[in-house]
Amino acid sequence: MDERSPLPATSIGSRISRRSALAAAGSLLSVSVAGCLGLRERVSQTLSSTELRSLWTSDRTTEYGGNHHQFAAIDSVDEPRVVAPHSSLTGSDDCGVTAADGAGESAWTEPIDRTHCTPHAVGDIGTGVRDGGREVFTSTENGELLGFDAVSGDQTLDATVLDSIGYTAPVVGDFIGSNHVVAADFEGLIVAISPESEVVWSHDIDTRISTSPILTDLTGDSEQVLAIAHGRRSDSGVSVFGASGQRQWTEPVDATPRSFTTVTDGSDQLLAVGTRETAVCIDANGETQWTTPFGEVVSVGDSHDDQLLVAVNDGLLRSLSVADGTVSWEQSLVDGDETRLNAPVVGDPFGDGTPTIAATTYTGAVVLLDTAGEIIVRHEGDDSIHVSPQFVDLTGDGSDDLVSMDGHGRLSAFDVGDTA
């Protein structure tokens, strides 16, 4: 792997939040305004009455400046947490899993021994609820699958079950049995772990997995299936495994998967893949519904109503129709030599139920947009950003705050305010 060009992370499994409520909002605004403006690239001015106000910046950083594994944000009325995977230079003593509370103070830390500290020491952070308790999960370059109580940091899972780098976020659900944790390593091994920390199922796809697994009910029969995006270049695809562990289908995709999520089209659940060149949507039966080419790496992000948000490494954020993949609008977020973007997310920073989009650029910008693609406010940071931002209510006031993590693993929290 090229440490200078980290894989874009996805936001799958990284947050327990109010997104499901927001997904149904904002359709009239996005459809009517986009229809009036037409499809065009727009470079908007920041609305002068809105600003991103700094709440806090964490003091935990790493010597390594290319942290590119996704952090997690957990909503809680009393004890929100932001949990970061900190990788660093080989042999350093600053690798670990660290959690900040709603005020940015250290909540807990789980260090990684310096003998296993590398730029890929800690994978993406996943979240889940088992037996009523909120937990966070990650896997390591050393093949460990780790789980922690999100609030206290007490360890809930420690199993060395992977054969190679644990790159992506583990997920929690009812697969094979209830409250199972499913994880995949970079070389294609997938495992399901019981609440007793035993391996109850495993399958080796024998090819790259660089996006998080997805556990979801694709068909509406109340049974969760496991979806995996896998492969490299032309030998790539999406596979779905049934509740008993059997492979149900595999659908080829055109290029290496780099991001993976679920979207809905009416009552239908679909799988969306961002590859090195295209955005692809696949239905519950394994049939490709549409492919939209961009010629650059695509990071599929959150969706709202009938629109899928994608960040493309040409510097443009785009909104695609879930029905057919057509581009509803596009917005330039960055230009110049470095135009890579991270997957966008949707939240409610104004606290009124109106969905708002947040995105980050590799140059260090944090950008808020409305669902018509107009920029609301933009913040330019001092360091590069290689992961998606996350919305989370840190203060308990009913509105989402926004958290970003830069390449040194530094967490920054913002709220959206009025300058007037």
Protein backbone atom coordinates (compact mmCIF):
# COMPACT_ATOMS: atom_id res chain seq x y z
CA MET A 1 0.00 0.00 0.00
CA ASP A 2 1.18 3.49 -0.78
CA GLU A 3 1.29 5.36 2.52
CA ARG A 4 1.40 8.67 0.67
CA SER A 5 -1.99 8.04 -0.96
CA PRO A 6 -4.29 6.63 1.72
CA LEU A 7 -7.58 5.13 0.70
CA PRO A 8 -10.55 7.44 1.29
CA ALA A 9 -12.57 6.24 4.23
CA THR A 10 -16.25 5.74 4.30
CA SER A 11 -18.75 6.81 6.83
CA ILE A 12 -20.47 3.46 7.08
CA GLY A 13 -20.90 2.36 10.66
CA SER A 14 -19.16 5.41 12.03
CA ARG A 15 -22.04 7.07 13.79
CA ILE A 16 -25.22 6.38 15.77
CA SER A 17 -27.36 9.42 15.02
CA ARG A 18 -30.57 11.05 13.81
CA ARG A 19 -29.81 10.54 10.10
CA SER A 20 -32.76 8.27 9.46
CA ALA A 21 -35.12 11.13 10.30
CA LEU A 22 -33.23 13.57 8.12
CA ALA A 23 -33.25 11.23 5.13
CA ALA A 24 -36.95 11.88 4.64
CA ALA A 25 -36.62 15.68 4.81
CA GLY A 26 -35.62 18.36 2.35
CA SER A 27 -37.01 16.91 -0.86
CA LEU A 28 -39.01 19.95 -1.93
CA LEU A 29 -36.00 22.21 -1.49
CA SER A 30 -33.57 19.97 -3.33
CA VAL A 31 -35.88 19.18 -6.23
CA SER A 32 -37.42 22.59 -6.81
CA VAL A 33 -34.26 24.66 -6.41
CA ALA A 34 -32.11 22.29 -8.42
CA GLY A 35 -34.75 22.30 -11.14
CA CYS A 36 -34.73 26.08 -11.35
CA LEU A 37 -30.96 26.33 -11.41
CA GLY A 38 -30.44 23.48 -13.82
CA LEU A 39 -27.40 21.20 -13.88
CA ARG A 40 -24.28 23.29 -13.69
CA GLU A 41 -21.16 23.67 -11.65
CA ARG A 42 -21.57 26.43 -9.10
CA VAL A 43 -18.96 28.14 -6.97
CA SER A 44 -21.00 29.85 -4.24
CA GLN A 45 -20.13 32.55 -1.78
CA THR A 46 -20.38 31.80 1.92
CA LEU A 47 -23.56 33.18 3.48
CA SER A 48 -22.28 36.08 5.59
CA SER A 49 -24.74 35.47 8.43
CA THR A 50 -23.50 31.94 9.21
CA GLU A 51 -20.21 30.79 10.67
CA LEU A 52 -18.54 27.64 11.94
CA ARG A 53 -17.57 28.46 15.52
CA SER A 54 -14.87 26.42 17.19
CA LEU A 55 -16.07 24.49 20.24
CA TRP A 56 -12.78 22.77 20.99
CA THR A 57 -9.69 21.17 19.51
CA SER A 58 -8.23 18.03 21.03
CA ASP A 59 -4.65 18.00 22.29
CA ARG A 60 -3.99 14.41 21.22
CA THR A 61 -2.01 14.27 17.97
CA THR A 62 0.43 11.95 16.23
CA GLU A 63 3.79 12.56 14.63
CA TYR A 64 2.41 10.95 11.48
CA GLY A 65 0.50 13.45 9.35
CA GLY A 66 -1.46 11.07 7.14
CA ASN A 67 -4.08 9.53 9.46
CA HIS A 68 -6.73 8.28 7.06
CA HIS A 69 -8.86 5.85 9.04
CA GLN A 70 -12.36 7.01 9.91
CA PHE A 71 -13.20 8.17 13.42
CA ALA A 72 -16.61 7.67 15.03
CA ALA A 73 -19.06 10.03 16.74
CA ILE A 74 -21.66 8.69 19.16
CA ASP A 75 -24.75 10.69 20.13
CA SER A 76 -25.78 10.48 23.76
CA VAL A 77 -27.86 12.88 25.81
CA ASP A 78 -25.45 12.74 28.73
CA GLU A 79 -22.17 11.33 27.45
CA PRO A 80 -21.38 11.80 23.76
CA ARG A 81 -18.08 10.40 22.56
CA VAL A 82 -15.77 11.01 19.63
CA VAL A 83 -13.47 8.02 19.14
CA ALA A 84 -10.37 8.31 16.96
CA PRO A 85 -8.01 5.70 15.51
CA HIS A 86 -4.47 7.03 15.86
CA SER A 87 -1.84 5.48 13.63
CA SER A 88 1.67 6.89 13.37
CA LEU A 89 5.20 6.41 12.14
CA THR A 90 6.64 2.92 12.45
CA GLY A 91 7.93 2.28 15.96
CA SER A 92 6.38 5.40 17.47
CA ASP A 93 4.67 5.44 20.86
CA ASP A 94 1.60 7.48 19.87
CA CYS A 95 -0.61 4.82 18.24
CA GLY A 96 -3.88 3.89 19.89
CA VAL A 97 -7.64 4.30 20.15
CA THR A 98 -8.59 7.53 21.91
CA ALA A 99 -11.95 8.94 22.97
CA ALA A 100 -12.92 12.54 23.69
CA ASP A 101 -16.03 13.61 25.56
CA GLY A 102 -18.47 16.31 24.49
CA ALA A 103 -16.18 19.05 25.79
CA GLY A 104 -13.11 17.70 24.00
CA GLU A 105 -11.51 16.32 27.15
CA SER A 106 -9.89 12.89 27.13
CA ALA A 107 -12.45 10.23 28.09
CA TRP A 108 -10.27 7.16 27.67
CA THR A 109 -7.30 5.82 25.70
CA GLU A 110 -6.25 2.35 24.62
CA PRO A 111 -2.60 2.46 23.47
CA ILE A 112 -1.12 0.25 20.78
CA ASP A 113 2.30 -1.17 21.62
CA ARG A 114 5.05 0.62 19.71
CA THR A 115 6.17 -2.70 18.19
CA HIS A 116 2.88 -2.66 16.27
CA CYS A 117 2.70 1.12 15.70
CA THR A 118 2.67 1.91 11.96
CA PRO A 119 0.71 4.18 9.57
CA HIS A 120 -1.91 1.38 9.42
CA ALA A 121 -1.83 0.34 13.07
CA VAL A 122 -5.51 1.05 13.76
CA GLY A 123 -8.35 0.63 11.25
CA ASP A 124 -11.63 2.52 10.86
CA ILE A 125 -13.81 2.81 13.96
CA GLY A 126 -17.22 1.13 13.87
CA THR A 127 -20.09 1.52 16.32
CA GLY A 128 -22.89 -0.71 17.52
CA VAL A 129 -25.26 -1.60 20.33
CA ARG A 130 -25.06 -4.99 22.03
CA ASP A 131 -27.28 -5.87 24.99
CA GLY A 132 -28.25 -2.24 25.31
CA GLY A 133 -24.69 -0.95 25.60
CA ARG A 134 -23.06 1.35 23.06
CA GLU A 135 -19.74 -0.02 21.88
CA VAL A 136 -17.00 0.94 19.45
CA PHE A 137 -14.96 -1.54 17.45
CA THR A 138 -11.80 -1.52 15.41
CA SER A 139 -9.24 -3.93 14.06
CA THR A 140 -5.49 -3.59 13.87
CA GLU A 141 -2.58 -4.25 11.58
CA ASN A 142 -1.67 -7.03 14.00
CA GLY A 143 -4.93 -8.89 13.20
CA GLU A 144 -6.74 -8.04 16.43
CA LEU A 145 -10.45 -7.30 16.60
CA LEU A 146 -11.06 -4.94 19.51
CA GLY A 147 -14.24 -3.68 21.18
CA PHE A 148 -14.76 -1.08 23.91
CA ASP A 149 -17.62 0.38 25.88
CA ALA A 150 -18.02 3.74 24.15
CA VAL A 151 -18.45 5.72 27.37
CA SER A 152 -16.07 4.07 29.83
CA GLY A 153 -13.51 2.54 27.48
CA ASP A 154 -13.80 -0.84 29.22
CA GLN A 155 -12.69 -3.54 26.81
CA THR A 156 -15.53 -5.75 25.57
CA LEU A 157 -13.76 -7.71 22.82
CA ASP A 158 -10.18 -8.80 22.17
CA ALA A 159 -9.76 -11.51 19.56
CA THR A 160 -6.81 -12.10 17.23
CA VAL A 161 -8.80 -13.51 14.32
CA LEU A 162 -7.65 -11.67 11.18
CA ASP A 163 -4.87 -12.81 8.84
CA SER A 164 -3.82 -9.37 7.58
CA ILE A 165 -4.41 -5.68 8.21
CA GLY A 166 -7.74 -4.81 9.77
CA TYR A 167 -8.44 -1.85 7.52
CA THR A 168 -12.18 -1.23 7.67
CA ALA A 169 -14.76 -0.66 10.42
CA PRO A 170 -16.32 -3.77 11.99
CA VAL A 171 -20.12 -3.83 12.09
CA VAL A 172 -22.67 -5.22 14.56
CA GLY A 173 -25.90 -7.03 13.75
CA ASP A 174 -27.83 -10.27 13.58
CA PHE A 175 -25.76 -12.34 11.15
CA ILE A 176 -25.50 -16.08 11.81
CA GLY A 177 -26.75 -15.15 15.30
CA SER A 178 -27.75 -12.08 17.28
CA ASN A 179 -25.35 -9.37 18.44
CA HIS A 180 -22.53 -10.61 16.26
CA VAL A 181 -19.56 -8.49 15.23
CA VAL A 182 -18.48 -8.88 11.61
CA ALA A 183 -15.03 -7.78 10.47
CA ALA A 184 -12.94 -8.13 7.33
CA ASP A 185 -9.22 -7.85 6.73
CA PHE A 186 -7.44 -6.23 3.81
CA GLU A 187 -6.68 -9.50 2.02
CA GLY A 188 -10.27 -10.81 2.02
CA LEU A 189 -10.91 -12.79 5.21
CA ILE A 190 -14.35 -12.12 6.74
CA VAL A 191 -15.25 -13.31 10.25
CA ALA A 192 -18.34 -13.20 12.46
CA ILE A 193 -17.73 -13.13 16.20
CA SER A 194 -20.31 -14.15 18.80
CA PRO A 195 -20.96 -12.18 22.02
CA GLU A 196 -18.71 -14.78 23.69
CA SER A 197 -15.85 -13.68 21.37
CA GLU A 198 -15.89 -16.94 19.42
CA VAL A 199 -15.57 -17.17 15.63
CA VAL A 200 -18.89 -18.61 14.46
CA TRP A 201 -18.40 -18.07 10.72
CA SER A 202 -15.59 -17.15 8.37
CA HIS A 203 -15.13 -16.85 4.64
CA ASP A 204 -12.03 -15.99 2.61
CA ILE A 205 -12.82 -14.06 -0.56
CA ASP A 206 -9.07 -14.03 -1.29
CA THR A 207 -9.03 -10.51 -2.69
CA ARG A 208 -8.81 -6.97 -1.35
CA ILE A 209 -11.46 -5.55 0.98
CA SER A 210 -10.92 -1.84 1.62
CA THR A 211 -14.49 -0.79 2.48
CA SER A 212 -16.49 -1.70 5.57
CA PRO A 213 -18.90 -4.66 5.47
CA ILE A 214 -22.60 -3.82 5.52
CA LEU A 215 -25.27 -5.70 7.48
CA THR A 216 -28.71 -4.79 6.21
CA ASP A 217 -32.16 -6.14 5.38
CA LEU A 218 -32.11 -5.84 1.58
CA THR A 219 -35.37 -7.61 0.81
CA GLY A 220 -37.66 -6.55 3.65
CA ASP A 221 -37.95 -10.06 5.09
CA SER A 222 -36.49 -8.94 8.45
CA GLU A 223 -33.34 -11.01 7.91
CA GLN A 224 -30.02 -9.23 7.74
CA VAL A 225 -27.61 -10.13 4.99
CA LEU A 226 -23.91 -9.33 4.76
CA ALA A 227 -22.76 -7.25 1.79
CA ILE A 228 -19.07 -6.99 0.87
CA ALA A 229 -17.42 -4.85 -1.81
CA HIS A 230 -14.18 -6.48 -2.88
CA GLY A 231 -11.49 -6.88 -5.51
CA ARG A 232 -9.04 -4.83 -7.52
CA ARG A 233 -9.34 -3.20 -10.92
CA SER A 234 -11.43 -5.28 -13.35
CA ASP A 235 -11.63 -8.21 -10.91
CA SER A 236 -13.97 -6.36 -8.55
CA GLY A 237 -17.49 -6.89 -7.34
CA VAL A 238 -20.10 -6.90 -4.60
CA SER A 239 -21.09 -10.13 -2.87
CA VAL A 240 -24.02 -10.77 -0.55
CA PHE A 241 -24.10 -13.57 2.02
CA GLY A 242 -27.36 -14.83 3.53
CA ALA A 243 -28.24 -15.16 7.20
CA SER A 244 -26.85 -18.70 7.31
CA GLY A 245 -23.57 -17.63 5.74
CA GLN A 246 -24.07 -18.85 2.18
CA ARG A 247 -23.15 -16.60 -0.71
CA GLN A 248 -26.35 -15.49 -2.46
CA TRP A 249 -24.91 -13.54 -5.36
CA THR A 250 -21.93 -11.62 -6.73
CA GLU A 251 -22.24 -8.67 -9.10
CA PRO A 252 -19.12 -7.38 -10.92
CA VAL A 253 -18.21 -3.70 -10.80
CA ASP A 254 -15.94 -1.89 -13.20
CA ALA A 255 -13.00 -0.95 -10.95
CA THR A 256 -11.60 -1.21 -7.43
CA PRO A 257 -14.26 -0.38 -4.80
CA ARG A 258 -13.22 2.58 -2.65
CA SER A 259 -16.47 3.33 -0.76
CA PHE A 260 -19.70 1.46 -0.01
CA THR A 261 -23.09 2.36 1.47
CA THR A 262 -26.83 1.70 1.32
CA VAL A 263 -29.52 3.92 -0.19
CA THR A 264 -33.28 3.62 -0.63
CA ASP A 265 -35.35 4.14 -3.76
CA GLY A 266 -38.93 4.30 -2.53
CA SER A 267 -39.35 1.10 -0.54
CA ASP A 268 -36.36 -0.63 -2.16
CA GLN A 269 -33.02 -0.97 -0.40
CA LEU A 270 -30.01 -0.63 -2.73
CA LEU A 271 -26.24 -0.88 -2.45
CA ALA A 272 -24.12 2.01 -3.73
CA VAL A 273 -20.44 1.60 -4.57
CA GLY A 274 -17.86 4.25 -5.33
CA THR A 275 -14.97 2.90 -7.39
CA ARG A 276 -11.82 4.39 -8.84
CA GLU A 277 -13.87 5.65 -11.77
CA THR A 278 -17.64 5.38 -11.24
CA ALA A 279 -20.62 5.38 -8.92
CA VAL A 280 -22.63 2.15 -9.15
CA CYS A 281 -26.03 1.20 -7.72
CA ILE A 282 -27.01 -2.48 -7.28
CA ASP A 283 -30.42 -3.81 -6.26
CA ALA A 284 -31.31 -6.52 -3.73
CA ASN A 285 -31.17 -9.22 -6.43
CA GLY A 286 -27.63 -8.36 -7.47
CA GLU A 287 -28.58 -6.48 -10.64
CA THR A 288 -26.78 -3.25 -11.50
CA GLN A 289 -29.39 -0.50 -11.77
CA TRP A 290 -27.07 2.18 -13.07
CA THR A 291 -23.45 3.21 -13.43
CA THR A 292 -22.36 6.85 -13.61
CA PRO A 293 -18.78 7.41 -14.82
CA PHE A 294 -16.56 10.23 -13.56
CA GLY A 295 -13.04 9.14 -14.49
CA GLU A 296 -11.83 9.82 -10.92
CA VAL A 297 -12.12 8.11 -7.53
CA VAL A 298 -15.69 8.36 -6.20
CA SER A 299 -16.54 8.44 -2.48
CA VAL A 300 -20.22 7.64 -1.93
CA GLY A 301 -21.62 9.31 1.17
CA ASP A 302 -24.91 9.90 2.90
CA SER A 303 -28.23 10.26 1.12
CA HIS A 304 -31.28 12.41 1.69
CA ASP A 305 -34.69 11.67 0.23
CA ASP A 306 -34.03 10.41 -3.33
CA GLN A 307 -30.52 11.83 -3.69
CA LEU A 308 -27.14 10.12 -3.15
CA LEU A 309 -24.25 12.45 -2.34
CA VAL A 310 -20.87 11.62 -3.86
CA ALA A 311 -17.47 13.29 -3.61
CA VAL A 312 -15.29 12.93 -6.69
CA ASN A 313 -11.55 13.49 -6.77
CA ASP A 314 -11.92 16.18 -9.42
CA GLY A 315 -12.86 18.51 -6.57
CA LEU A 316 -16.62 18.42 -7.21
CA LEU A 317 -19.32 17.33 -4.79
CA ARG A 318 -22.31 15.91 -6.65
CA SER A 319 -25.87 14.88 -5.89
CA LEU A 320 -27.12 11.88 -7.89
CA SER A 321 -30.66 10.64 -8.41
CA VAL A 322 -30.97 7.29 -6.64
CA ALA A 323 -33.42 6.21 -9.35
CA ASP A 324 -31.12 6.49 -12.35
CA GLY A 325 -27.76 7.99 -11.33
CA THR A 326 -28.19 11.27 -13.17
CA VAL A 327 -26.42 14.29 -11.69
CA SER A 328 -28.89 16.70 -10.07
CA TRP A 329 -26.26 19.29 -9.16
CA GLU A 330 -22.54 19.64 -8.68
CA GLN A 331 -20.52 22.04 -6.56
CA SER A 332 -16.81 22.83 -6.72
CA LEU A 333 -15.17 22.51 -3.30
CA VAL A 334 -11.51 22.77 -4.25
CA ASP A 335 -9.27 23.33 -7.26
CA GLY A 336 -5.54 23.38 -7.94
CA ASP A 337 -3.11 20.48 -7.64
CA GLU A 338 -4.89 18.69 -4.76
CA THR A 339 -8.55 18.06 -5.53
CA ARG A 340 -9.30 14.93 -3.51
CA LEU A 341 -12.44 14.93 -1.35
CA ASN A 342 -13.85 12.77 1.44
CA ALA A 343 -17.33 11.24 1.50
CA PRO A 344 -20.04 13.78 2.47
CA VAL A 345 -22.38 13.39 5.44
CA VAL A 346 -25.82 14.77 6.32
CA GLY A 347 -26.91 16.19 9.69
CA ASP A 348 -29.02 18.84 11.40
CA PRO A 349 -26.71 21.61 12.67
CA PHE A 350 -29.52 24.18 12.79
CA GLY A 351 -31.72 21.97 14.99
CA ASP A 352 -34.84 22.52 12.90
CA GLY A 353 -34.96 19.19 11.06
CA THR A 354 -33.53 20.63 7.85
CA PRO A 355 -30.86 18.32 6.40
CA THR A 356 -27.48 19.97 5.85
CA ILE A 357 -24.47 18.52 4.03
CA ALA A 358 -20.90 18.57 5.34
CA ALA A 359 -17.78 17.66 3.40
CA THR A 360 -14.02 17.90 3.84
CA THR A 361 -11.18 18.29 1.37
CA TYR A 362 -7.67 16.87 1.47
CA THR A 363 -6.43 20.47 1.60
CA GLY A 364 -8.04 20.85 5.03
CA ALA A 365 -11.31 22.65 4.28
CA VAL A 366 -14.56 21.90 6.13
CA VAL A 367 -17.61 22.92 4.09
CA LEU A 368 -21.33 23.08 4.88
CA LEU A 369 -23.86 23.07 2.04
CA ASP A 370 -27.63 23.04 1.73
CA THR A 371 -29.42 20.25 -0.14
CA ALA A 372 -29.49 22.33 -3.33
CA GLY A 373 -25.69 22.39 -3.38
CA GLU A 374 -25.18 25.97 -2.25
CA ILE A 375 -22.28 26.56 0.13
CA ILE A 376 -23.44 27.83 3.52
CA VAL A 377 -20.07 28.27 5.20
CA ARG A 378 -16.48 27.16 4.72
CA HIS A 379 -13.61 26.78 7.17
CA GLU A 380 -10.00 26.46 6.01
CA GLY A 381 -7.83 24.37 8.33
CA ASP A 382 -4.06 24.30 8.63
CA ASP A 383 -3.56 20.56 8.05
CA SER A 384 -4.74 18.00 5.53
CA ILE A 385 -7.91 15.98 6.15
CA HIS A 386 -8.22 12.40 4.87
CA VAL A 387 -11.53 11.32 6.45
CA SER A 388 -15.16 12.38 6.43
CA PRO A 389 -16.49 14.78 9.06
CA GLN A 390 -19.17 13.59 11.46
CA PHE A 391 -22.31 15.25 12.82
CA VAL A 392 -23.05 14.67 16.52
CA ASP A 393 -24.88 16.59 19.25
CA LEU A 394 -22.04 17.26 21.68
CA THR A 395 -23.84 19.73 23.93
CA GLY A 396 -27.32 18.20 24.23
CA ASP A 397 -29.08 21.24 22.77
CA GLY A 398 -30.88 19.25 20.07
CA SER A 399 -28.75 20.43 17.16
CA ASP A 400 -25.82 18.64 15.57
CA ASP A 401 -22.29 19.87 16.03
CA LEU A 402 -19.65 19.01 13.44
CA VAL A 403 -16.38 17.20 14.11
CA SER A 404 -13.41 16.79 11.78
CA MET A 405 -10.08 14.99 12.18
CA ASP A 406 -6.91 16.12 10.44
CA GLY A 407 -3.97 14.04 9.28
CA HIS A 408 -2.24 14.29 12.66
CA GLY A 409 -5.30 12.80 14.35
CA ARG A 410 -6.35 16.12 15.85
CA LEU A 411 -10.10 16.38 16.45
CA SER A 412 -11.83 19.74 15.96
CA ALA A 413 -15.45 20.41 16.93
CA PHE A 414 -17.62 23.22 15.57
CA ASP A 415 -21.12 24.51 15.99
CA VAL A 416 -23.01 26.50 13.40
CA GLY A 417 -23.86 30.01 14.51
CA ASP A 418 -25.20 33.32 13.31
CA THR A 419 -22.75 36.19 13.06
CA ALA A 420 -25.50 38.79 13.41
